[in-house]
Protein backbone atom coordinates (compact mmCIF):
# COMPACT_ATOMS: atom_id res chain seq x y z
CA MET A 1 105.19 127.57 76.91
CA VAL A 2 104.11 126.15 73.78
CA ASN A 3 106.32 127.60 71.13
CA SER A 4 105.32 125.86 67.82
CA PHE A 5 103.51 123.58 66.24
CA GLN A 6 106.01 120.79 67.01
CA ASP A 7 105.85 121.25 71.06
CA MET A 8 102.02 121.16 71.07
CA ASN A 9 102.41 118.10 69.00
CA THR A 10 104.90 116.46 71.39
CA LEU A 11 102.92 117.94 74.39
CA GLY A 12 99.53 116.10 73.14
CA LYS A 13 101.30 112.84 72.42
CA GLU A 14 102.65 112.90 76.03
CA LEU A 15 99.21 113.69 77.31
CA MET A 16 97.71 110.87 75.62
CA ASP A 17 100.40 108.31 76.86
CA THR A 18 100.02 109.63 80.38
CA SER A 19 96.38 109.35 80.20
CA LEU A 20 96.38 105.84 78.78
CA LYS A 21 98.67 104.78 81.43
CA SER A 22 96.04 106.49 83.87
CA VAL A 23 93.54 104.64 82.25
CA ALA A 24 95.16 101.09 82.84
CA ALA A 25 95.57 101.99 86.34
CA VAL A 26 91.94 102.52 86.90
CA THR A 27 91.15 99.63 84.97
CA LYS A 28 93.45 97.02 87.40
CA GLY A 29 91.98 99.03 90.42
CA ALA A 30 88.78 98.46 89.45
CA GLN A 31 89.34 94.83 88.80
CA ALA A 32 90.93 94.41 92.12
CA ILE A 33 88.13 95.97 93.66
CA ALA A 34 85.45 93.68 91.57
CA ALA A 35 87.27 90.74 92.92
CA GLU A 36 87.48 91.49 96.72
CA ALA A 37 83.97 92.55 96.43
CA THR A 38 83.25 89.13 94.59
CA ASP A 39 84.79 86.93 97.35
CA PHE A 40 83.54 88.86 100.09
CA THR A 41 80.03 88.42 98.79
CA ARG A 42 80.94 84.65 98.50
CA THR A 43 82.23 84.12 102.19
CA SER A 44 79.06 86.41 103.33
CA ALA A 45 76.98 83.99 101.78
CA GLU A 46 78.14 80.93 102.85
CA ALA A 47 78.71 82.27 106.46
CA GLY A 48 75.12 83.20 105.94
CA SER A 49 74.31 79.43 105.27
CA ALA A 50 76.45 78.14 108.13
CA ALA A 51 74.82 79.93 110.52
CA LEU A 52 70.86 79.37 108.84
CA GLU A 53 72.48 75.48 109.71
CA LYS A 54 73.34 76.02 113.55
CA LEU A 55 69.76 77.84 113.79
CA LEU A 56 68.10 75.06 112.20
CA ALA A 57 69.82 72.45 114.23
CA SER A 58 69.29 74.46 117.62
CA ASN A 59 66.31 72.79 120.14
CA SER A 60 66.50 75.76 122.35
CA LEU A 61 65.99 79.56 122.43
CA ASP A 62 68.84 80.36 124.05
CA LYS A 63 70.92 78.52 121.15
CA VAL A 64 68.83 80.10 118.98
CA ILE A 65 69.93 83.41 120.82
CA GLU A 66 73.52 82.04 121.21
CA VAL A 67 73.82 81.15 117.20
CA GLN A 68 72.06 84.28 116.16
CA THR A 69 74.07 86.75 118.39
CA ASP A 70 77.39 84.75 117.38
CA PHE A 71 76.38 85.33 113.73
CA ALA A 72 75.57 89.22 113.90
CA ARG A 73 78.64 89.57 115.87
CA SER A 74 80.83 87.69 113.18
CA ALA A 75 79.09 89.88 110.14
CA TYR A 76 79.96 92.87 112.01
CA GLU A 77 83.34 92.29 112.22
CA SER A 78 84.01 90.92 109.05
CA CYS A 79 81.93 94.24 107.42
CA VAL A 80 84.24 96.74 109.27
CA ALA A 81 87.23 94.74 108.30
CA GLU A 82 86.15 94.61 104.29
CA ALA A 83 84.89 98.36 104.57
CA THR A 84 88.83 99.19 105.80
CA ARG A 85 90.16 96.43 102.28
CA MET A 86 87.92 98.27 100.15
CA SER A 87 88.89 102.00 101.04
CA GLY A 88 92.32 100.95 101.11
CA LEU A 89 91.94 99.85 97.29
CA PHE A 90 89.85 102.75 96.38
CA ALA A 91 92.64 105.07 97.52
CA ASP A 92 95.04 102.77 95.93
CA LEU A 93 93.42 103.07 92.82
CA ALA A 94 93.14 106.91 93.09
CA ARG A 95 96.95 107.37 93.72
CA ASP A 96 98.06 104.81 90.73
CA ALA A 97 94.94 106.72 88.45
CA LEU A 98 97.06 110.02 89.11
CA LYS A 99 100.61 108.78 89.73
CA PRO A 100 101.39 109.19 85.45
CA PHE A 101 100.40 112.89 85.68
CA GLU A 102 102.99 113.87 88.45
CA SER A 103 105.77 114.59 85.80
CA VAL A 104 103.67 116.36 83.69
CA MET A 105 102.22 118.47 86.37
CA SER A 106 105.30 119.14 88.19
CA ARG A 107 107.30 120.27 84.74
CA SER A 108 104.21 122.75 83.93
CA LYS A 109 104.80 125.35 87.28
C-alpha cells in the first residue's frame, strides 16, 4: 500500500526505471529483428539471382523445370527456417520487454 507521498515518489521512480529498462530491451530486440530481416532479404535476392542465371543458361525444358523445382524447394525451406528464427526473436523480445516488470508485479501482490 502507498501510505505517504514518499512512498508514491519511490514507486513512481521505480516504475520509470523499469519502463526505461523495458524500452531498452524492446529497442535491442527490434534491432535484432531488423538485422535478421535484412540478412534474409539479401540472401533471398542472391539465391533468386543465382537461380535466374541457371535458368538463362538452361538449354532444355527438362533443365528449366529442374532448376525451377530446386529453387522453389530451397526458397520454401529457407522461408520456413526464417519464420522459425523470426518467431524466436519476437518471443525473446516479448520476454525481455516484460522481464523488468516481474519484480514490480511480484511485490504488488
